[in-house]
Amino acid sequence: MAFSFPTWIGLAGAALLVLAYLLNQMQWLASSDWRFPFCNFAGAMLIAISLWFAFNLPALVIELFWMAISAYGMARALRTRAP
């Protein structure tokens, strides 16, 4: 089965989201670490890019919220980081 390039982008985004969640659950990556919301933001962004080619409004809405919450998490993590 051959996938299109947008499908590969979306799959990479989904993998990044799941990997961040797995690492968090295994306590290898704290949710307060800037890398956790960064991975979530990047994954959601990749999925949103793939939606440009196969539009789905509900999926886009959830990815936009996911990116906004992740941006907040990155800002909070970087603000509270020790100098």
PDB file of N, CA and C in Angstrom:
ATOM      1  N   MET A   1       0.849  -1.169   0.000  1.00  0.00           N
ATOM      2  CA  MET A   1       0.000   0.000   0.000  1.00  0.00           C
ATOM      3  C   MET A   1       0.903   1.243   0.000  1.00  0.00           C
ATOM      4  N   ALA A   2       0.721   2.106  -0.975  1.00  0.00           N
ATOM      5  CA  ALA A   2       1.511   3.325  -1.088  1.00  0.00           C
ATOM      6  C   ALA A   2       0.739   4.495  -0.490  1.00  0.00           C
ATOM      7  N   PHE A   3       1.424   5.278   0.338  1.00  0.00           N
ATOM      8  CA  PHE A   3       0.812   6.459   0.945  1.00  0.00           C
ATOM      9  C   PHE A   3       1.305   7.707   0.247  1.00  0.00           C
ATOM     10  N   SER A   4       0.472   8.734   0.227  1.00  0.00           N
ATOM     11  CA  SER A   4       0.869  10.018  -0.334  1.00  0.00           C
ATOM     12  C   SER A   4       1.755  10.761   0.670  1.00  0.00           C
ATOM     13  N   PHE A   5       2.460  11.751   0.164  1.00  0.00           N
ATOM     14  CA  PHE A   5       3.343  12.546   1.035  1.00  0.00           C
ATOM     15  C   PHE A   5       2.561  13.195   2.184  1.00  0.00           C
ATOM     16  N   PRO A   6       1.381  13.806   1.944  1.00  0.00           N
ATOM     17  CA  PRO A   6       0.616  14.370   3.065  1.00  0.00           C
ATOM     18  C   PRO A   6       0.233  13.317   4.113  1.00  0.00           C
ATOM     19  N   THR A   7      -0.038  12.109   3.670  1.00  0.00           N
ATOM     20  CA  THR A   7      -0.354  11.045   4.622  1.00  0.00           C
ATOM     21  C   THR A   7       0.857  10.738   5.489  1.00  0.00           C
ATOM     22  N   TRP A   8       2.040  10.684   4.888  1.00  0.00           N
ATOM     23  CA  TRP A   8       3.266  10.455   5.665  1.00  0.00           C
ATOM     24  C   TRP A   8       3.492  11.576   6.677  1.00  0.00           C
ATOM     25  N   ILE A   9       3.204  12.819   6.280  1.00  0.00           N
ATOM     26  CA  ILE A   9       3.346  13.950   7.203  1.00  0.00           C
ATOM     27  C   ILE A   9       2.395  13.774   8.382  1.00  0.00           C
ATOM     28  N   GLY A  10       1.152  13.435   8.104  1.00  0.00           N
ATOM     29  CA  GLY A  10       0.176  13.225   9.164  1.00  0.00           C
ATOM     30  C   GLY A  10       0.546  12.070  10.071  1.00  0.00           C
ATOM     31  N   LEU A  11       1.050  10.988   9.488  1.00  0.00           N
ATOM     32  CA  LEU A  11       1.469   9.842  10.292  1.00  0.00           C
ATOM     33  C   LEU A  11       2.657  10.198  11.184  1.00  0.00           C
ATOM     34  N   ALA A  12       3.580  11.003  10.664  1.00  0.00           N
ATOM     35  CA  ALA A  12       4.714  11.443  11.484  1.00  0.00           C
ATOM     36  C   ALA A  12       4.222  12.290  12.656  1.00  0.00           C
ATOM     37  N   GLY A  13       3.252  13.147  12.403  1.00  0.00           N
ATOM     38  CA  GLY A  13       2.680  13.961  13.475  1.00  0.00           C
ATOM     39  C   GLY A  13       2.001  13.113  14.526  1.00  0.00           C
ATOM     40  N   ALA A  14       1.230  12.137  14.085  1.00  0.00           N
ATOM     41  CA  ALA A  14       0.553  11.243  15.027  1.00  0.00           C
ATOM     42  C   ALA A  14       1.570  10.457  15.841  1.00  0.00           C
ATOM     43  N   ALA A  15       2.626   9.986  15.190  1.00  0.00           N
ATOM     44  CA  ALA A  15       3.671   9.244  15.901  1.00  0.00           C
ATOM     45  C   ALA A  15       4.349  10.120  16.950  1.00  0.00           C
ATOM     46  N   LEU A  16       4.580  11.375  16.610  1.00  0.00           N
ATOM     47  CA  LEU A  16       5.217  12.295  17.558  1.00  0.00           C
ATOM     48  C   LEU A  16       4.324  12.534  18.773  1.00  0.00           C
ATOM     49  N   LEU A  17       3.039  12.709  18.555  1.00  0.00           N
ATOM     50  CA  LEU A  17       2.107  12.888  19.671  1.00  0.00           C
ATOM     51  C   LEU A  17       2.088  11.659  20.581  1.00  0.00           C
ATOM     52  N   VAL A  18       2.001  10.489  19.966  1.00  0.00           N
ATOM     53  CA  VAL A  18       1.939   9.250  20.746  1.00  0.00           C
ATOM     54  C   VAL A  18       3.258   9.004  21.467  1.00  0.00           C
ATOM     55  N   LEU A  19       4.382   9.286  20.822  1.00  0.00           N
ATOM     56  CA  LEU A  19       5.688   9.102  21.456  1.00  0.00           C
ATOM     57  C   LEU A  19       5.842  10.019  22.670  1.00  0.00           C
ATOM     58  N   ALA A  20       5.431  11.274  22.532  1.00  0.00           N
ATOM     59  CA  ALA A  20       5.517  12.208  23.667  1.00  0.00           C
ATOM     60  C   ALA A  20       4.661  11.712  24.828  1.00  0.00           C
ATOM     61  N   TYR A  21       3.478  11.226  24.526  1.00  0.00           N
ATOM     62  CA  TYR A  21       2.588  10.718  25.579  1.00  0.00           C
ATOM     63  C   TYR A  21       3.177   9.471  26.234  1.00  0.00           C
ATOM     64  N   LEU A  22       3.716   8.567  25.427  1.00  0.00           N
ATOM     65  CA  LEU A  22       4.339   7.358  25.966  1.00  0.00           C
ATOM     66  C   LEU A  22       5.507   7.711  26.881  1.00  0.00           C
ATOM     67  N   LEU A  23       6.393   8.593  26.423  1.00  0.00           N
ATOM     68  CA  LEU A  23       7.549   8.986  27.240  1.00  0.00           C
ATOM     69  C   LEU A  23       7.106   9.660  28.532  1.00  0.00           C
ATOM     70  N   ASN A  24       6.025  10.427  28.468  1.00  0.00           N
ATOM     71  CA  ASN A  24       5.488  11.056  29.663  1.00  0.00           C
ATOM     72  C   ASN A  24       4.951  10.007  30.633  1.00  0.00           C
ATOM     73  N   GLN A  25       4.220   9.046  30.114  1.00  0.00           N
ATOM     74  CA  GLN A  25       3.653   8.004  30.968  1.00  0.00           C
ATOM     75  C   GLN A  25       4.728   7.099  31.567  1.00  0.00           C
ATOM     76  N   MET A  26       5.842   6.941  30.856  1.00  0.00           N
ATOM     77  CA  MET A  26       6.951   6.146  31.364  1.00  0.00           C
ATOM     78  C   MET A  26       7.837   6.956  32.315  1.00  0.00           C
ATOM     79  N   GLN A  27       7.463   8.220  32.501  1.00  0.00           N
ATOM     80  CA  GLN A  27       8.184   9.167  33.351  1.00  0.00           C
ATOM     81  C   GLN A  27       9.606   9.427  32.849  1.00  0.00           C
ATOM     82  N   TRP A  28       9.787   9.363  31.539  1.00  0.00           N
ATOM     83  CA  TRP A  28      11.055   9.707  30.917  1.00  0.00           C
ATOM     84  C   TRP A  28      11.047  11.151  30.422  1.00  0.00           C
ATOM     85  N   LEU A  29       9.859  11.728  30.313  1.00  0.00           N
ATOM     86  CA  LEU A  29       9.710  13.102  29.837  1.00  0.00           C
ATOM     87  C   LEU A  29       8.595  13.759  30.645  1.00  0.00           C
ATOM     88  N   ALA A  30       8.984  14.692  31.499  1.00  0.00           N
ATOM     89  CA  ALA A  30       8.002  15.368  32.361  1.00  0.00           C
ATOM     90  C   ALA A  30       7.153  16.338  31.543  1.00  0.00           C
ATOM     91  N   SER A  31       5.901  16.477  31.932  1.00  0.00           N
ATOM     92  CA  SER A  31       5.037  17.421  31.225  1.00  0.00           C
ATOM     93  C   SER A  31       5.483  18.863  31.452  1.00  0.00           C
ATOM     94  N   SER A  32       6.266  19.109  32.484  1.00  0.00           N
ATOM     95  CA  SER A  32       6.784  20.456  32.742  1.00  0.00           C
ATOM     96  C   SER A  32       8.036  20.766  31.914  1.00  0.00           C
ATOM     97  N   ASP A  33       8.614  19.771  31.274  1.00  0.00           N
ATOM     98  CA  ASP A  33       9.782  19.941  30.404  1.00  0.00           C
ATOM     99  C   ASP A  33       9.316  20.552  29.090  1.00  0.00           C
ATOM    100  N   TRP A  34      10.010  21.567  28.584  1.00  0.00           N
ATOM    101  CA  TRP A  34       9.598  22.252  27.367  1.00  0.00           C
ATOM    102  C   TRP A  34       9.506  21.309  26.176  1.00  0.00           C
ATOM    103  N   ARG A  35      10.236  20.203  26.190  1.00  0.00           N
ATOM    104  CA  ARG A  35      10.217  19.272  25.065  1.00  0.00           C
ATOM    105  C   ARG A  35       8.880  18.554  24.922  1.00  0.00           C
ATOM    106  N   PHE A  36       8.152  18.361  26.031  1.00  0.00           N
ATOM    107  CA  PHE A  36       6.856  17.688  25.952  1.00  0.00           C
ATOM    108  C   PHE A  36       5.840  18.526  25.167  1.00  0.00           C
ATOM    109  N   PRO A  37       5.599  19.792  25.547  1.00  0.00           N
ATOM    110  CA  PRO A  37       4.660  20.572  24.723  1.00  0.00           C
ATOM    111  C   PRO A  37       5.201  20.852  23.321  1.00  0.00           C
ATOM    112  N   PHE A  38       6.525  20.918  23.163  1.00  0.00           N
ATOM    113  CA  PHE A  38       7.090  21.123  21.837  1.00  0.00           C
ATOM    114  C   PHE A  38       6.754  19.950  20.919  1.00  0.00           C
ATOM    115  N   CYS A  39       6.920  18.721  21.425  1.00  0.00           N
ATOM    116  CA  CYS A  39       6.574  17.539  20.627  1.00  0.00           C
ATOM    117  C   CYS A  39       5.085  17.526  20.299  1.00  0.00           C
ATOM    118  N   ASN A  40       4.260  17.924  21.259  1.00  0.00           N
ATOM    119  CA  ASN A  40       2.822  17.982  21.017  1.00  0.00           C
ATOM    120  C   ASN A  40       2.492  19.034  19.965  1.00  0.00           C
ATOM    121  N   PHE A  41       3.132  20.201  20.052  1.00  0.00           N
ATOM    122  CA  PHE A  41       2.899  21.264  19.074  1.00  0.00           C
ATOM    123  C   PHE A  41       3.325  20.809  17.681  1.00  0.00           C
ATOM    124  N   ALA A  42       4.528  20.240  17.587  1.00  0.00           N
ATOM    125  CA  ALA A  42       5.044  19.802  16.289  1.00  0.00           C
ATOM    126  C   ALA A  42       4.172  18.697  15.695  1.00  0.00           C
ATOM    127  N   GLY A  43       3.744  17.759  16.523  1.00  0.00           N
ATOM    128  CA  GLY A  43       2.883  16.686  16.031  1.00  0.00           C
ATOM    129  C   GLY A  43       1.557  17.210  15.519  1.00  0.00           C
ATOM    130  N   ALA A  44       0.946  18.111  16.287  1.00  0.00           N
ATOM    131  CA  ALA A  44      -0.330  18.696  15.871  1.00  0.00           C
ATOM    132  C   ALA A  44      -0.159  19.515  14.591  1.00  0.00           C
ATOM    133  N   MET A  45       0.963  20.217  14.474  1.00  0.00           N
ATOM    134  CA  MET A  45       1.235  21.012  13.278  1.00  0.00           C
ATOM    135  C   MET A  45       1.361  20.110  12.045  1.00  0.00           C
ATOM    136  N   LEU A  46       2.060  18.994  12.190  1.00  0.00           N
ATOM    137  CA  LEU A  46       2.204  18.078  11.060  1.00  0.00           C
ATOM    138  C   LEU A  46       0.855  17.494  10.641  1.00  0.00           C
ATOM    139  N   ILE A  47       0.031  17.149  11.624  1.00  0.00           N
ATOM    140  CA  ILE A  47      -1.301  16.639  11.292  1.00  0.00           C
ATOM    141  C   ILE A  47      -2.123  17.725  10.601  1.00  0.00           C
ATOM    142  N   ALA A  48      -2.045  18.969  11.102  1.00  0.00           N
ATOM    143  CA  ALA A  48      -2.779  20.075  10.485  1.00  0.00           C
ATOM    144  C   ALA A  48      -2.314  20.308   9.046  1.00  0.00           C
ATOM    145  N   ILE A  49      -1.017  20.186   8.803  1.00  0.00           N
ATOM    146  CA  ILE A  49      -0.503  20.340   7.435  1.00  0.00           C
ATOM    147  C   ILE A  49      -1.082  19.261   6.532  1.00  0.00           C
ATOM    148  N   SER A  50      -1.145  18.032   7.043  1.00  0.00           N
ATOM    149  CA  SER A  50      -1.706  16.950   6.220  1.00  0.00           C
ATOM    150  C   SER A  50      -3.177  17.202   5.919  1.00  0.00           C
ATOM    151  N   LEU A  51      -3.876  17.892   6.816  1.00  0.00           N
ATOM    152  CA  LEU A  51      -5.292  18.191   6.601  1.00  0.00           C
ATOM    153  C   LEU A  51      -5.510  19.206   5.475  1.00  0.00           C
ATOM    154  N   TRP A  52      -4.468  19.929   5.113  1.00  0.00           N
ATOM    155  CA  TRP A  52      -4.554  20.857   3.985  1.00  0.00           C
ATOM    156  C   TRP A  52      -4.909  20.085   2.703  1.00  0.00           C
ATOM    157  N   PHE A  53      -4.435  18.849   2.625  1.00  0.00           N
ATOM    158  CA  PHE A  53      -4.616  18.032   1.426  1.00  0.00           C
ATOM    159  C   PHE A  53      -5.855  17.145   1.490  1.00  0.00           C
ATOM    160  N   ALA A  54      -6.299  16.833   2.698  1.00  0.00           N
ATOM    161  CA  ALA A  54      -7.512  16.012   2.886  1.00  0.00           C
ATOM    162  C   ALA A  54      -8.272  16.650   4.052  1.00  0.00           C
ATOM    163  N   PHE A  55      -8.985  17.725   3.750  1.00  0.00           N
ATOM    164  CA  PHE A  55      -9.598  18.544   4.796  1.00  0.00           C
ATOM    165  C   PHE A  55     -10.649  17.799   5.597  1.00  0.00           C
ATOM    166  N   ASN A  56     -10.608  18.039   6.908  1.00  0.00           N
ATOM    167  CA  ASN A  56     -11.579  17.497   7.845  1.00  0.00           C
ATOM    168  C   ASN A  56     -11.702  18.538   8.955  1.00  0.00           C
ATOM    169  N   LEU A  57     -12.811  19.274   8.997  1.00  0.00           N
ATOM    170  CA  LEU A  57     -12.968  20.387   9.932  1.00  0.00           C
ATOM    171  C   LEU A  57     -12.824  19.983  11.396  1.00  0.00           C
ATOM    172  N   PRO A  58     -13.480  18.929  11.875  1.00  0.00           N
ATOM    173  CA  PRO A  58     -13.316  18.566  13.280  1.00  0.00           C
ATOM    174  C   PRO A  58     -11.861  18.241  13.645  1.00  0.00           C
ATOM    175  N   ALA A  59     -11.164  17.566  12.747  1.00  0.00           N
ATOM    176  CA  ALA A  59      -9.760  17.243  13.008  1.00  0.00           C
ATOM    177  C   ALA A  59      -8.918  18.518  13.054  1.00  0.00           C
ATOM    178  N   LEU A  60      -9.186  19.458  12.150  1.00  0.00           N
ATOM    179  CA  LEU A  60      -8.446  20.713  12.161  1.00  0.00           C
ATOM    180  C   LEU A  60      -8.700  21.495  13.447  1.00  0.00           C
ATOM    181  N   VAL A  61      -9.936  21.523  13.898  1.00  0.00           N
ATOM    182  CA  VAL A  61     -10.274  22.252  15.133  1.00  0.00           C
ATOM    183  C   VAL A  61      -9.503  21.677  16.313  1.00  0.00           C
ATOM    184  N   ILE A  62      -9.472  20.363  16.460  1.00  0.00           N
ATOM    185  CA  ILE A  62      -8.768  19.763  17.588  1.00  0.00           C
ATOM    186  C   ILE A  62      -7.269  20.022  17.486  1.00  0.00           C
ATOM    187  N   GLU A  63      -6.720  19.989  16.281  1.00  0.00           N
ATOM    188  CA  GLU A  63      -5.279  20.246  16.127  1.00  0.00           C
ATOM    189  C   GLU A  63      -4.939  21.701  16.447  1.00  0.00           C
ATOM    190  N   LEU A  64      -5.819  22.641  16.087  1.00  0.00           N
ATOM    191  CA  LEU A  64      -5.573  24.050  16.423  1.00  0.00           C
ATOM    192  C   LEU A  64      -5.601  24.259  17.934  1.00  0.00           C
ATOM    193  N   PHE A  65      -6.555  23.627  18.624  1.00  0.00           N
ATOM    194  CA  PHE A  65      -6.578  23.707  20.081  1.00  0.00           C
ATOM    195  C   PHE A  65      -5.338  23.048  20.678  1.00  0.00           C
ATOM    196  N   TRP A  66      -4.936  21.913  20.125  1.00  0.00           N
ATOM    197  CA  TRP A  66      -3.760  21.193  20.608  1.00  0.00           C
ATOM    198  C   TRP A  66      -2.522  22.076  20.479  1.00  0.00           C
ATOM    199  N   MET A  67      -2.396  22.781  19.353  1.00  0.00           N
ATOM    200  CA  MET A  67      -1.250  23.677  19.146  1.00  0.00           C
ATOM    201  C   MET A  67      -1.292  24.855  20.113  1.00  0.00           C
ATOM    202  N   ALA A  68      -2.474  25.431  20.327  1.00  0.00           N
ATOM    203  CA  ALA A  68      -2.593  26.579  21.241  1.00  0.00           C
ATOM    204  C   ALA A  68      -2.236  26.178  22.667  1.00  0.00           C
ATOM    205  N   ILE A  69      -2.736  25.055  23.123  1.00  0.00           N
ATOM    206  CA  ILE A  69      -2.430  24.599  24.483  1.00  0.00           C
ATOM    207  C   ILE A  69      -0.953  24.248  24.602  1.00  0.00           C
ATOM    208  N   SER A  70      -0.397  23.645  23.571  1.00  0.00           N
ATOM    209  CA  SER A  70       1.028  23.304  23.583  1.00  0.00           C
ATOM    210  C   SER A  70       1.896  24.559  23.578  1.00  0.00           C
ATOM    211  N   ALA A  71       1.490  25.582  22.840  1.00  0.00           N
ATOM    212  CA  ALA A  71       2.232  26.850  22.834  1.00  0.00           C
ATOM    213  C   ALA A  71       2.227  27.459  24.231  1.00  0.00           C
ATOM    214  N   TYR A  72       1.083  27.401  24.907  1.00  0.00           N
ATOM    215  CA  TYR A  72       1.008  27.870  26.292  1.00  0.00           C
ATOM    216  C   TYR A  72       1.963  27.062  27.175  1.00  0.00           C
ATOM    217  N   GLY A  73       1.973  25.749  27.009  1.00  0.00           N
ATOM    218  CA  GLY A  73       2.856  24.894  27.803  1.00  0.00           C
ATOM    219  C   GLY A  73       4.323  25.184  27.555  1.00  0.00           C
ATOM    220  N   MET A  74       4.692  25.425  26.297  1.00  0.00           N
ATOM    221  CA  MET A  74       6.094  25.765  25.994  1.00  0.00           C
ATOM    222  C   MET A  74       6.474  27.090  26.629  1.00  0.00           C
ATOM    223  N   ALA A  75       5.596  28.080  26.517  1.00  0.00           N
ATOM    224  CA  ALA A  75       5.882  29.400  27.099  1.00  0.00           C
ATOM    225  C   ALA A  75       6.023  29.288  28.614  1.00  0.00           C
ATOM    226  N   ARG A  76       5.137  28.543  29.247  1.00  0.00           N
ATOM    227  CA  ARG A  76       5.204  28.375  30.697  1.00  0.00           C
ATOM    228  C   ARG A  76       6.478  27.647  31.109  1.00  0.00           C
ATOM    229  N   ALA A  77       6.844  26.600  30.382  1.00  0.00           N
ATOM    230  CA  ALA A  77       8.051  25.840  30.699  1.00  0.00           C
ATOM    231  C   ALA A  77       9.302  26.687  30.535  1.00  0.00           C
ATOM    232  N   LEU A  78       9.345  27.489  29.486  1.00  0.00           N
ATOM    233  CA  LEU A  78      10.525  28.329  29.249  1.00  0.00           C
ATOM    234  C   LEU A  78      10.587  29.484  30.239  1.00  0.00           C
ATOM    235  N   ARG A  79       9.427  29.997  30.670  1.00  0.00           N
ATOM    236  CA  ARG A  79       9.385  31.087  31.651  1.00  0.00           C
ATOM    237  C   ARG A  79       9.860  30.630  33.021  1.00  0.00           C
ATOM    238  N   THR A  80       9.526  29.413  33.390  1.00  0.00           N
ATOM    239  CA  THR A  80       9.862  28.917  34.728  1.00  0.00           C
ATOM    240  C   THR A  80      11.198  28.208  34.781  1.00  0.00           C
ATOM    241  N   ARG A  81      11.877  28.133  33.648  1.00  0.00           N
ATOM    242  CA  ARG A  81      13.189  27.488  33.572  1.00  0.00           C
ATOM    243  C   ARG A  81      14.214  28.293  34.353  1.00  0.00           C
ATOM    244  N   ALA A  82      15.080  27.591  35.066  1.00  0.00           N
ATOM    245  CA  ALA A  82      16.132  28.273  35.843  1.00  0.00           C
ATOM    246  C   ALA A  82      17.151  28.891  34.877  1.00  0.00           C
ATOM    247  N   PRO A  83      17.639  30.090  35.187  1.00  0.00           N
ATOM    248  CA  PRO A  83      18.624  30.750  34.300  1.00  0.00           C
ATOM    249  C   PRO A  83      19.971  30.067  34.303  1.00  0.00           C
TER     250      PRO A  83
END
